[in-house]
Amino acid sequence: MINKNLNSVVAEEYDNIRANIEFSSFENNCRSIMITSSNYEEGKSITTANLAISLAHSSKKVLIIDANIRNPSIHQIFKIKNTVGLTNLLIGQKTLEETLNQT
């Protein structure tokens, strides 16, 4: 999806997933979502990106943390540089603000 206009059926399904998450977390005010699987190439990154876009389009603040240290891919999806990130933050080289990329 990435561009909401590319495939309205896919975009609508991600909006449905977003709505279901919002509805199911209404009472406990869920503020974090983790997308994971046991195998590679199962669509975690593209699902994360599309769900984030859907949340952002509904005026939610979104922070994606690509914790795949060996093979990060979120930066490729959003076409941003991958020069600093989670590892730099964890070892104290950079602050949170220095590791964020706005899109």
Protein backbone atom coordinates (compact mmCIF):
# COMPACT_ATOMS: atom_id res chain seq x y z
CA MET A 1 0.00 0.00 0.00
CA ILE A 2 2.39 2.71 1.25
CA ASN A 3 0.58 5.21 -0.99
CA LYS A 4 -3.06 5.11 0.09
CA ASN A 5 -4.20 5.69 -3.49
CA LEU A 6 -2.37 2.68 -4.97
CA ASN A 7 -4.87 0.01 -4.00
CA SER A 8 -8.04 1.13 -2.29
CA VAL A 9 -9.01 -2.45 -1.36
CA VAL A 10 -5.73 -3.00 0.48
CA ALA A 11 -5.92 0.45 2.09
CA GLU A 12 -9.46 -0.29 3.25
CA GLU A 13 -8.36 -3.58 4.82
CA TYR A 14 -5.58 -1.84 6.77
CA ASP A 15 -8.14 0.73 7.90
CA ASN A 16 -10.34 -2.17 9.07
CA ILE A 17 -7.42 -3.65 11.00
CA ARG A 18 -6.75 -0.24 12.56
CA ALA A 19 -10.40 0.15 13.53
CA ASN A 20 -10.46 -3.33 15.06
CA ILE A 21 -7.34 -2.59 17.10
CA GLU A 22 -8.79 0.72 18.27
CA PHE A 23 -12.10 -0.90 19.18
CA SER A 24 -10.53 -3.84 21.03
CA SER A 25 -8.17 -1.57 23.00
CA PHE A 26 -10.71 1.15 23.80
CA GLU A 27 -11.21 0.20 27.46
CA ASN A 28 -7.56 -0.36 28.36
CA ASN A 29 -6.14 2.55 26.29
CA CYS A 30 -3.57 0.49 24.39
CA ARG A 31 -0.61 2.63 23.32
CA SER A 32 1.76 -0.02 21.92
CA ILE A 33 1.49 -2.65 19.22
CA MET A 34 4.15 -5.23 18.38
CA ILE A 35 4.20 -6.99 15.04
CA THR A 36 6.38 -10.08 15.01
CA SER A 37 6.73 -13.59 13.61
CA SER A 38 9.13 -16.48 13.89
CA ASN A 39 10.25 -16.44 10.25
CA TYR A 40 11.66 -13.86 7.87
CA GLU A 41 9.83 -12.49 4.82
CA GLU A 42 6.35 -12.94 6.26
CA GLY A 43 5.33 -9.30 5.71
CA LYS A 44 6.06 -7.83 9.13
CA SER A 45 7.67 -4.65 7.82
CA ILE A 46 5.08 -3.88 5.15
CA THR A 47 2.27 -4.63 7.61
CA THR A 48 3.92 -2.34 10.15
CA ALA A 49 4.32 0.46 7.58
CA ASN A 50 0.77 0.19 6.25
CA LEU A 51 -0.78 0.01 9.71
CA ALA A 52 1.30 3.03 10.76
CA ILE A 53 0.08 4.96 7.73
CA SER A 54 -3.51 4.05 8.52
CA LEU A 55 -3.06 5.19 12.13
CA ALA A 56 -1.42 8.43 11.02
CA HIS A 57 -4.26 9.13 8.58
CA SER A 58 -6.65 8.83 11.53
CA SER A 59 -4.66 11.57 13.37
CA LYS A 60 -2.76 9.20 15.67
CA LYS A 61 0.87 9.78 16.57
CA VAL A 62 2.99 6.85 15.38
CA LEU A 63 6.51 5.76 16.26
CA ILE A 64 7.92 2.72 14.45
CA ILE A 65 10.91 1.02 16.05
CA ASP A 66 12.63 -1.33 13.62
CA ALA A 67 14.26 -3.73 16.10
CA ASN A 68 15.58 -6.03 13.39
CA ILE A 69 19.24 -5.31 14.09
CA ARG A 70 20.65 -7.68 11.44
CA ASN A 71 18.34 -6.81 8.56
CA PRO A 72 16.33 -3.62 9.12
CA SER A 73 13.96 -2.66 6.32
CA ILE A 74 11.59 0.07 7.53
CA HIS A 75 14.03 2.72 6.29
CA GLN A 76 13.82 1.26 2.76
CA ILE A 77 10.01 1.28 2.78
CA PHE A 78 9.87 4.95 3.81
CA LYS A 79 12.95 5.90 1.73
CA ILE A 80 14.91 7.38 4.64
CA LYS A 81 18.58 7.06 5.62
CA ASN A 82 19.67 4.32 8.00
CA THR A 83 22.70 6.01 9.55
CA VAL A 84 21.61 6.02 13.21
CA GLY A 85 19.03 3.99 15.02
CA LEU A 86 18.13 1.68 17.87
CA THR A 87 21.65 0.35 18.45
CA ASN A 88 23.07 3.88 18.75
CA LEU A 89 20.35 4.71 21.28
CA LEU A 90 20.85 1.54 23.33
CA ILE A 91 24.62 1.99 23.68
CA GLY A 92 24.28 5.68 24.54
CA GLN A 93 25.88 7.13 21.39
CA LYS A 94 22.76 9.09 20.45
CA THR A 95 19.70 10.50 22.19
CA LEU A 96 16.16 9.52 21.25
CA GLU A 97 15.69 12.81 19.43
CA GLU A 98 18.82 12.18 17.38
CA THR A 99 17.56 8.78 16.22
CA LEU A 100 14.08 9.84 15.10
CA ASN A 101 13.16 10.31 11.44
CA GLN A 102 10.00 12.22 10.60
CA THR A 103 8.11 11.29 7.45
